[in-house]
Amino acid sequence: MKAIVRKVSSSFEKALAKYFGSGPTDLNEAIRQHGVYVNKLVEFGVSVKVIDSHSDFPDCCFVEDHVIVAGDSALLTNAGHDSRLGERKEVEEALNDDLNLEYMTEGARMDGGDVLRFGDKFLVGHSQRTNRQGIEDLGKFLQKRNYGLHVVEVPPQSLHLISVCTSPVPGKLLAPEGWFSESDFPVGSEIIWVPTEEAYAANILPFDNKIMMAKGYPFTHKALKSLNLEVHELEMSQFREADGSLTCLSVLYD
């Protein structure tokens, strides 16, 4: 398993924030938390490539938003917020040696935070950051690789789909009560509902029987432990203040 990550920008305290937080307040703490995250990836056996940050892009550590990986190929997105479009170049360069790269069309907008691999299909959120043209481009990209696509309407209180919906083990999804209904997801999905006050904890990062989750969410922690998973809690406070989560901070691929 490989990953790319990007260092926290010196301007991170100006990162976009609206949903989970009102903006980061401690750059040094954010850098420390990011370092712990990267070390945990390495501990899990991931080969990590680190990209330098850029002071012009406060949100640049959230590399997930610029690419969707499927097998040996990747679709480079047009980020959903104009201020983030300039971040993609370094992500593209970091992946160029390892993956076959394709590109979204002009007018298509998508954040990778709206896309979740789930078995033989991908779930994609229609959100403030992902438009219908972006979803259409993703569908064409996936169809060539024999993956299905399932569209989910993202609730207005969430930035992205996988901000509040991820899959800890095959066939199961974590999601907050009252934000979705079972009919939003593919038939046969098993939903583990977490309390709405723990919505942030529904973003987890799985590695076989090991799992990363944000620290401080006891119900979700207990639910994950009940699946016989080895749960590793990480402090994510500064990234939560920038509407960022565990998945946002890396692009994972084989």
C-alpha atoms as a PDB file:
ATOM      1  CA  MET A   1       0.000   0.000   0.000  1.00  0.00           C
ATOM      2  CA  LYS A   2       1.236   3.489  -0.920  1.00  0.00           C
ATOM      3  CA  ALA A   3       0.078   6.946   0.113  1.00  0.00           C
ATOM      4  CA  ILE A   4       0.745  10.543  -0.707  1.00  0.00           C
ATOM      5  CA  VAL A   5       0.329  13.177   1.981  1.00  0.00           C
ATOM      6  CA  ARG A   6       1.054  16.889   1.987  1.00  0.00           C
ATOM      7  CA  LYS A   7       2.531  18.936   4.782  1.00  0.00           C
ATOM      8  CA  VAL A   8       0.351  21.455   6.615  1.00  0.00           C
ATOM      9  CA  SER A   9       0.487  24.929   5.080  1.00  0.00           C
ATOM     10  CA  SER A  10       1.904  27.861   7.054  1.00  0.00           C
ATOM     11  CA  SER A  11      -1.428  29.567   6.221  1.00  0.00           C
ATOM     12  CA  PHE A  12      -3.534  26.660   7.545  1.00  0.00           C
ATOM     13  CA  GLU A  13      -5.299  28.906  10.059  1.00  0.00           C
ATOM     14  CA  LYS A  14      -7.010  30.510   7.020  1.00  0.00           C
ATOM     15  CA  ALA A  15      -8.414  27.159   5.828  1.00  0.00           C
ATOM     16  CA  LEU A  16     -12.023  26.990   4.694  1.00  0.00           C
ATOM     17  CA  ALA A  17     -14.404  26.139   7.536  1.00  0.00           C
ATOM     18  CA  LYS A  18     -18.178  26.039   7.859  1.00  0.00           C
ATOM     19  CA  TYR A  19     -19.467  22.615   8.910  1.00  0.00           C
ATOM     20  CA  PHE A  20     -17.576  21.003  11.796  1.00  0.00           C
ATOM     21  CA  GLY A  21     -15.501  23.993  12.853  1.00  0.00           C
ATOM     22  CA  SER A  22     -14.834  27.707  12.548  1.00  0.00           C
ATOM     23  CA  GLY A  23     -11.190  27.448  11.481  1.00  0.00           C
ATOM     24  CA  PRO A  24      -7.940  26.063  12.933  1.00  0.00           C
ATOM     25  CA  THR A  25      -6.423  27.984  15.830  1.00  0.00           C
ATOM     26  CA  ASP A  26      -3.041  26.353  16.441  1.00  0.00           C
ATOM     27  CA  LEU A  27      -0.702  25.747  13.512  1.00  0.00           C
ATOM     28  CA  ASN A  28       1.930  23.975  15.599  1.00  0.00           C
ATOM     29  CA  GLU A  29      -0.643  21.583  17.023  1.00  0.00           C
ATOM     30  CA  ALA A  30      -1.960  20.897  13.513  1.00  0.00           C
ATOM     31  CA  ILE A  31       1.569  20.056  12.371  1.00  0.00           C
ATOM     32  CA  ARG A  32       2.003  17.767  15.382  1.00  0.00           C
ATOM     33  CA  GLN A  33      -1.303  15.980  14.712  1.00  0.00           C
ATOM     34  CA  HIS A  34      -0.373  15.561  11.054  1.00  0.00           C
ATOM     35  CA  GLY A  35       2.956  14.034  12.056  1.00  0.00           C
ATOM     36  CA  VAL A  36       1.221  11.481  14.278  1.00  0.00           C
ATOM     37  CA  TYR A  37      -1.098  10.620  11.377  1.00  0.00           C
ATOM     38  CA  VAL A  38       1.792  10.051   8.972  1.00  0.00           C
ATOM     39  CA  ASN A  39       3.635   7.943  11.545  1.00  0.00           C
ATOM     40  CA  LYS A  40       0.525   5.812  11.993  1.00  0.00           C
ATOM     41  CA  LEU A  41       0.364   5.166   8.249  1.00  0.00           C
ATOM     42  CA  VAL A  42       3.989   4.042   8.336  1.00  0.00           C
ATOM     43  CA  GLU A  43       3.265   1.853  11.375  1.00  0.00           C
ATOM     44  CA  PHE A  44       0.518   0.164   9.332  1.00  0.00           C
ATOM     45  CA  GLY A  45       3.044  -0.669   6.613  1.00  0.00           C
ATOM     46  CA  VAL A  46       2.135   2.093   4.164  1.00  0.00           C
ATOM     47  CA  SER A  47       4.879   3.572   1.972  1.00  0.00           C
ATOM     48  CA  VAL A  48       4.322   7.321   2.331  1.00  0.00           C
ATOM     49  CA  LYS A  49       5.380  10.023  -0.135  1.00  0.00           C
ATOM     50  CA  VAL A  50       5.335  13.502   1.429  1.00  0.00           C
ATOM     51  CA  ILE A  51       4.665  16.608  -0.684  1.00  0.00           C
ATOM     52  CA  ASP A  52       5.802  20.028   0.483  1.00  0.00           C
ATOM     53  CA  SER A  53       3.113  22.466   1.520  1.00  0.00           C
ATOM     54  CA  HIS A  54       2.481  25.874  -0.056  1.00  0.00           C
ATOM     55  CA  SER A  55       1.646  29.074   1.777  1.00  0.00           C
ATOM     56  CA  ASP A  56      -0.760  30.154  -0.996  1.00  0.00           C
ATOM     57  CA  PHE A  57      -3.029  27.170  -0.296  1.00  0.00           C
ATOM     58  CA  PRO A  58      -4.287  26.920   3.302  1.00  0.00           C
ATOM     59  CA  ASP A  59      -6.189  23.683   2.570  1.00  0.00           C
ATOM     60  CA  CYS A  60      -3.456  21.893   0.640  1.00  0.00           C
ATOM     61  CA  CYS A  61      -2.920  19.157   3.254  1.00  0.00           C
ATOM     62  CA  PHE A  62      -6.321  17.736   2.227  1.00  0.00           C
ATOM     63  CA  VAL A  63      -4.910  15.879  -0.789  1.00  0.00           C
ATOM     64  CA  GLU A  64      -7.807  13.413  -1.060  1.00  0.00           C
ATOM     65  CA  ASP A  65      -9.983  15.981  -2.802  1.00  0.00           C
ATOM     66  CA  HIS A  66      -7.906  16.109  -5.990  1.00  0.00           C
ATOM     67  CA  VAL A  67      -7.997  12.515  -7.185  1.00  0.00           C
ATOM     68  CA  ILE A  68     -10.121   9.353  -7.392  1.00  0.00           C
ATOM     69  CA  VAL A  69      -8.109   6.122  -7.620  1.00  0.00           C
ATOM     70  CA  ALA A  70      -9.485   2.981  -9.276  1.00  0.00           C
ATOM     71  CA  GLY A  71      -7.012   0.149  -9.762  1.00  0.00           C
ATOM     72  CA  ASP A  72      -3.943   1.372 -11.636  1.00  0.00           C
ATOM     73  CA  SER A  73      -5.629   4.592 -12.781  1.00  0.00           C
ATOM     74  CA  ALA A  74      -6.601   7.907 -11.252  1.00  0.00           C
ATOM     75  CA  LEU A  75      -9.062  10.618 -12.217  1.00  0.00           C
ATOM     76  CA  LEU A  76      -7.785  14.110 -11.401  1.00  0.00           C
ATOM     77  CA  THR A  77     -10.686  16.271 -10.248  1.00  0.00           C
ATOM     78  CA  ASN A  78     -11.468  19.955 -10.545  1.00  0.00           C
ATOM     79  CA  ALA A  79     -11.859  20.880  -6.879  1.00  0.00           C
ATOM     80  CA  GLY A  80     -15.233  22.195  -5.835  1.00  0.00           C
ATOM     81  CA  HIS A  81     -13.948  25.480  -4.373  1.00  0.00           C
ATOM     82  CA  ASP A  82     -12.063  27.881  -6.649  1.00  0.00           C
ATOM     83  CA  SER A  83      -9.448  28.649  -4.002  1.00  0.00           C
ATOM     84  CA  ARG A  84      -8.271  25.027  -4.126  1.00  0.00           C
ATOM     85  CA  LEU A  85      -7.815  24.536  -7.871  1.00  0.00           C
ATOM     86  CA  GLY A  86      -4.119  25.428  -7.708  1.00  0.00           C
ATOM     87  CA  GLU A  87      -3.385  22.604  -5.276  1.00  0.00           C
ATOM     88  CA  ARG A  88      -3.792  19.833  -7.856  1.00  0.00           C
ATOM     89  CA  LYS A  89      -0.513  20.232  -9.752  1.00  0.00           C
ATOM     90  CA  GLU A  90       1.702  18.836  -6.989  1.00  0.00           C
ATOM     91  CA  VAL A  91      -0.684  15.930  -6.363  1.00  0.00           C
ATOM     92  CA  GLU A  92      -0.641  15.120 -10.075  1.00  0.00           C
ATOM     93  CA  GLU A  93       3.159  15.157 -10.141  1.00  0.00           C
ATOM     94  CA  ALA A  94       3.372  12.897  -7.080  1.00  0.00           C
ATOM     95  CA  LEU A  95       1.104  10.267  -8.678  1.00  0.00           C
ATOM     96  CA  ASN A  96       2.385  10.478 -12.245  1.00  0.00           C
ATOM     97  CA  ASP A  97       5.027   7.729 -11.872  1.00  0.00           C
ATOM     98  CA  ASP A  98       2.660   5.241 -10.228  1.00  0.00           C
ATOM     99  CA  LEU A  99      -0.762   5.607 -11.866  1.00  0.00           C
ATOM    100  CA  ASN A 100      -2.344   6.218 -15.260  1.00  0.00           C
ATOM    101  CA  LEU A 101      -3.849   9.695 -15.001  1.00  0.00           C
ATOM    102  CA  GLU A 102      -7.065  10.988 -16.549  1.00  0.00           C
ATOM    103  CA  TYR A 103      -8.726  14.372 -16.130  1.00  0.00           C
ATOM    104  CA  MET A 104     -12.177  15.772 -15.564  1.00  0.00           C
ATOM    105  CA  THR A 105     -13.684  17.967 -18.260  1.00  0.00           C
ATOM    106  CA  GLU A 106     -13.979  21.725 -17.959  1.00  0.00           C
ATOM    107  CA  GLY A 107     -17.047  22.630 -15.912  1.00  0.00           C
ATOM    108  CA  ALA A 108     -17.001  19.385 -13.952  1.00  0.00           C
ATOM    109  CA  ARG A 109     -16.391  19.935 -10.234  1.00  0.00           C
ATOM    110  CA  MET A 110     -15.709  17.323  -7.614  1.00  0.00           C
ATOM    111  CA  ASP A 111     -13.944  16.858  -4.292  1.00  0.00           C
ATOM    112  CA  GLY A 112     -12.544  13.399  -3.638  1.00  0.00           C
ATOM    113  CA  GLY A 113     -14.132  13.657  -0.201  1.00  0.00           C
ATOM    114  CA  ASP A 114     -17.422  12.879  -1.922  1.00  0.00           C
ATOM    115  CA  VAL A 115     -16.263   9.483  -3.230  1.00  0.00           C
ATOM    116  CA  LEU A 116     -16.110   6.151  -1.384  1.00  0.00           C
ATOM    117  CA  ARG A 117     -15.073   2.766  -2.772  1.00  0.00           C
ATOM    118  CA  PHE A 118     -17.637   0.232  -1.557  1.00  0.00           C
ATOM    119  CA  GLY A 119     -17.200  -3.297  -2.871  1.00  0.00           C
ATOM    120  CA  ASP A 120     -17.573  -3.404  -6.649  1.00  0.00           C
ATOM    121  CA  LYS A 121     -18.962   0.119  -6.848  1.00  0.00           C
ATOM    122  CA  PHE A 122     -18.182   3.641  -5.787  1.00  0.00           C
ATOM    123  CA  LEU A 123     -20.552   5.848  -3.810  1.00  0.00           C
ATOM    124  CA  VAL A 124     -20.465   9.495  -4.874  1.00  0.00           C
ATOM    125  CA  GLY A 125     -22.039  12.396  -3.057  1.00  0.00           C
ATOM    126  CA  HIS A 126     -23.876  15.158  -4.880  1.00  0.00           C
ATOM    127  CA  SER A 127     -22.888  18.097  -2.684  1.00  0.00           C
ATOM    128  CA  GLN A 128     -21.968  21.773  -2.586  1.00  0.00           C
ATOM    129  CA  ARG A 129     -18.540  20.756  -3.958  1.00  0.00           C
ATOM    130  CA  THR A 130     -19.508  18.039  -6.465  1.00  0.00           C
ATOM    131  CA  ASN A 131     -21.782  18.796  -9.411  1.00  0.00           C
ATOM    132  CA  ARG A 132     -23.685  16.617 -11.865  1.00  0.00           C
ATOM    133  CA  GLN A 133     -21.058  17.007 -14.597  1.00  0.00           C
ATOM    134  CA  GLY A 134     -18.385  15.821 -12.191  1.00  0.00           C
ATOM    135  CA  ILE A 135     -20.499  12.790 -11.322  1.00  0.00           C
ATOM    136  CA  GLU A 136     -21.004  12.069 -15.032  1.00  0.00           C
ATOM    137  CA  ASP A 137     -17.244  12.238 -15.672  1.00  0.00           C
ATOM    138  CA  LEU A 138     -16.587   9.912 -12.740  1.00  0.00           C
ATOM    139  CA  GLY A 139     -19.192   7.466 -14.034  1.00  0.00           C
ATOM    140  CA  LYS A 140     -17.469   7.282 -17.431  1.00  0.00           C
ATOM    141  CA  PHE A 141     -14.076   6.793 -15.792  1.00  0.00           C
ATOM    142  CA  LEU A 142     -15.388   3.960 -13.599  1.00  0.00           C
ATOM    143  CA  GLN A 143     -17.426   2.275 -16.327  1.00  0.00           C
ATOM    144  CA  LYS A 144     -14.251   1.668 -18.347  1.00  0.00           C
ATOM    145  CA  ARG A 145     -12.922  -0.205 -15.301  1.00  0.00           C
ATOM    146  CA  ASN A 146     -16.091  -2.203 -14.640  1.00  0.00           C
ATOM    147  CA  TYR A 147     -17.071  -0.398 -11.457  1.00  0.00           C
ATOM    148  CA  GLY A 148     -20.614   0.701 -10.725  1.00  0.00           C
ATOM    149  CA  LEU A 149     -21.621   4.118  -9.413  1.00  0.00           C
ATOM    150  CA  HIS A 150     -24.233   4.953  -6.789  1.00  0.00           C
ATOM    151  CA  VAL A 151     -25.177   8.593  -6.197  1.00  0.00           C
ATOM    152  CA  VAL A 152     -26.026   9.826  -2.693  1.00  0.00           C
ATOM    153  CA  GLU A 153     -27.488  13.248  -1.944  1.00  0.00           C
ATOM    154  CA  VAL A 154     -25.272  14.810   0.731  1.00  0.00           C
ATOM    155  CA  PRO A 155     -27.258  16.383   3.586  1.00  0.00           C
ATOM    156  CA  PRO A 156     -26.881  20.173   3.849  1.00  0.00           C
ATOM    157  CA  GLN A 157     -25.152  19.932   7.239  1.00  0.00           C
ATOM    158  CA  SER A 158     -22.210  18.012   5.725  1.00  0.00           C
ATOM    159  CA  LEU A 159     -19.413  19.232   3.463  1.00  0.00           C
ATOM    160  CA  HIS A 160     -18.808  15.851   1.796  1.00  0.00           C
ATOM    161  CA  LEU A 161     -20.259  12.360   1.706  1.00  0.00           C
ATOM    162  CA  ILE A 162     -17.339  10.650   3.413  1.00  0.00           C
ATOM    163  CA  SER A 163     -17.036  13.382   6.002  1.00  0.00           C
ATOM    164  CA  VAL A 164     -19.847  11.400   7.643  1.00  0.00           C
ATOM    165  CA  CYS A 165     -20.022   8.049   5.837  1.00  0.00           C
ATOM    166  CA  THR A 166     -17.275   5.452   5.470  1.00  0.00           C
ATOM    167  CA  SER A 167     -16.968   1.677   5.431  1.00  0.00           C
ATOM    168  CA  PRO A 168     -15.105   0.016   8.320  1.00  0.00           C
ATOM    169  CA  VAL A 169     -15.473  -3.507   6.889  1.00  0.00           C
ATOM    170  CA  PRO A 170     -16.868  -4.863   3.593  1.00  0.00           C
ATOM    171  CA  GLY A 171     -20.626  -4.487   3.251  1.00  0.00           C
ATOM    172  CA  LYS A 172     -21.032  -2.152   6.228  1.00  0.00           C
ATOM    173  CA  LEU A 173     -21.283   1.644   6.376  1.00  0.00           C
ATOM    174  CA  LEU A 174     -20.982   4.062   9.281  1.00  0.00           C
ATOM    175  CA  ALA A 175     -23.343   7.031   9.155  1.00  0.00           C
ATOM    176  CA  PRO A 176     -25.004   9.441  11.617  1.00  0.00           C
ATOM    177  CA  GLU A 177     -28.616   8.949  12.620  1.00  0.00           C
ATOM    178  CA  GLY A 178     -31.051  11.313  10.958  1.00  0.00           C
ATOM    179  CA  TRP A 179     -28.661  12.449   8.218  1.00  0.00           C
ATOM    180  CA  PHE A 180     -29.479   9.677   5.743  1.00  0.00           C
ATOM    181  CA  SER A 181     -32.017   6.898   5.292  1.00  0.00           C
ATOM    182  CA  GLU A 182     -31.259   3.293   4.341  1.00  0.00           C
ATOM    183  CA  SER A 183     -32.691   3.935   0.883  1.00  0.00           C
ATOM    184  CA  ASP A 184     -29.869   6.401   0.194  1.00  0.00           C
ATOM    185  CA  PHE A 185     -27.406   3.514   0.021  1.00  0.00           C
ATOM    186  CA  PRO A 186     -27.051   0.442  -2.218  1.00  0.00           C
ATOM    187  CA  VAL A 187     -29.512  -2.385  -1.591  1.00  0.00           C
ATOM    188  CA  GLY A 188     -28.070  -4.877   0.871  1.00  0.00           C
ATOM    189  CA  SER A 189     -25.834  -2.391   2.676  1.00  0.00           C
ATOM    190  CA  GLU A 190     -25.714  -2.773   6.437  1.00  0.00           C
ATOM    191  CA  ILE A 191     -25.717   0.635   8.130  1.00  0.00           C
ATOM    192  CA  ILE A 192     -24.164   1.152  11.551  1.00  0.00           C
ATOM    193  CA  TRP A 193     -25.905   4.276  12.802  1.00  0.00           C
ATOM    194  CA  VAL A 194     -23.931   6.499  15.160  1.00  0.00           C
ATOM    195  CA  PRO A 195     -25.486   9.298  17.260  1.00  0.00           C
ATOM    196  CA  THR A 196     -25.711  12.624  15.463  1.00  0.00           C
ATOM    197  CA  GLU A 197     -23.360  14.171  18.037  1.00  0.00           C
ATOM    198  CA  GLU A 198     -20.732  11.665  16.864  1.00  0.00           C
ATOM    199  CA  ALA A 199     -21.227  12.381  13.146  1.00  0.00           C
ATOM    200  CA  TYR A 200     -17.562  13.397  12.802  1.00  0.00           C
ATOM    201  CA  ALA A 201     -16.476   9.936  13.973  1.00  0.00           C
ATOM    202  CA  ALA A 202     -18.238   8.284  11.022  1.00  0.00           C
ATOM    203  CA  ASN A 203     -15.131   9.160   9.007  1.00  0.00           C
ATOM    204  CA  ILE A 204     -12.718   6.294   9.660  1.00  0.00           C
ATOM    205  CA  LEU A 205      -9.719   4.904   7.785  1.00  0.00           C
ATOM    206  CA  PRO A 206      -9.520   1.081   7.588  1.00  0.00           C
ATOM    207  CA  PHE A 207      -6.493  -1.141   7.019  1.00  0.00           C
ATOM    208  CA  ASP A 208      -7.773  -4.730   7.127  1.00  0.00           C
ATOM    209  CA  ASN A 209      -8.419  -5.429  10.834  1.00  0.00           C
ATOM    210  CA  LYS A 210      -6.820  -2.149  11.961  1.00  0.00           C
ATOM    211  CA  ILE A 211      -8.724   1.096  11.865  1.00  0.00           C
ATOM    212  CA  MET A 212      -8.014   4.767  12.498  1.00  0.00           C
ATOM    213  CA  MET A 213     -10.718   6.898  14.070  1.00  0.00           C
ATOM    214  CA  ALA A 214     -10.874  10.369  15.592  1.00  0.00           C
ATOM    215  CA  LYS A 215     -10.356  10.486  19.346  1.00  0.00           C
ATOM    216  CA  GLY A 216     -13.213  11.295  21.691  1.00  0.00           C
ATOM    217  CA  TYR A 217     -16.245   9.409  20.341  1.00  0.00           C
ATOM    218  CA  PRO A 218     -17.133   6.558  22.725  1.00  0.00           C
ATOM    219  CA  PHE A 219     -20.202   5.160  20.939  1.00  0.00           C
ATOM    220  CA  THR A 220     -18.391   4.824  17.623  1.00  0.00           C
ATOM    221  CA  HIS A 221     -15.315   3.397  19.342  1.00  0.00           C
ATOM    222  CA  LYS A 222     -17.462   0.695  20.975  1.00  0.00           C
ATOM    223  CA  ALA A 223     -19.243  -0.063  17.681  1.00  0.00           C
ATOM    224  CA  LEU A 224     -15.931  -0.553  15.885  1.00  0.00           C
ATOM    225  CA  LYS A 225     -14.528  -2.718  18.663  1.00  0.00           C
ATOM    226  CA  SER A 226     -17.628  -4.921  18.387  1.00  0.00           C
ATOM    227  CA  LEU A 227     -16.546  -5.708  14.819  1.00  0.00           C
ATOM    228  CA  ASN A 228     -13.314  -7.214  16.236  1.00  0.00           C
ATOM    229  CA  LEU A 229     -11.273  -4.353  14.846  1.00  0.00           C
ATOM    230  CA  GLU A 230      -8.065  -3.026  16.346  1.00  0.00           C
ATOM    231  CA  VAL A 231      -9.007   0.608  16.894  1.00  0.00           C
ATOM    232  CA  HIS A 232      -6.389   3.369  16.865  1.00  0.00           C
ATOM    233  CA  GLU A 233      -7.638   6.784  18.038  1.00  0.00           C
ATOM    234  CA  LEU A 234      -5.969   9.949  16.741  1.00  0.00           C
ATOM    235  CA  GLU A 235      -6.444  13.511  17.929  1.00  0.00           C
ATOM    236  CA  MET A 236      -7.970  15.396  14.975  1.00  0.00           C
ATOM    237  CA  SER A 237      -9.120  18.622  16.649  1.00  0.00           C
ATOM    238  CA  GLN A 238      -7.283  21.087  14.396  1.00  0.00           C
ATOM    239  CA  PHE A 239      -8.380  19.312  11.217  1.00  0.00           C
ATOM    240  CA  ARG A 240     -11.961  19.114  12.428  1.00  0.00           C
ATOM    241  CA  GLU A 241     -11.857  22.906  12.820  1.00  0.00           C
ATOM    242  CA  ALA A 242     -11.043  23.059   9.078  1.00  0.00           C
ATOM    243  CA  ASP A 243     -13.834  20.593   8.174  1.00  0.00           C
ATOM    244  CA  GLY A 244     -11.162  17.961   7.518  1.00  0.00           C
ATOM    245  CA  SER A 245     -11.098  14.305   8.544  1.00  0.00           C
ATOM    246  CA  LEU A 246      -8.805  11.281   8.560  1.00  0.00           C
ATOM    247  CA  THR A 247      -9.476  10.303   4.956  1.00  0.00           C
ATOM    248  CA  CYS A 248      -8.870  13.856   3.709  1.00  0.00           C
ATOM    249  CA  LEU A 249      -5.177  13.784   4.611  1.00  0.00           C
ATOM    250  CA  SER A 250      -3.995  11.057   2.235  1.00  0.00           C
ATOM    251  CA  VAL A 251      -4.458   9.415  -1.147  1.00  0.00           C
ATOM    252  CA  LEU A 252      -4.086   5.636  -0.772  1.00  0.00           C
ATOM    253  CA  TYR A 253      -3.359   3.251  -3.630  1.00  0.00           C
ATOM    254  CA  ASP A 254      -1.679  -0.080  -4.387  1.00  0.00           C
END
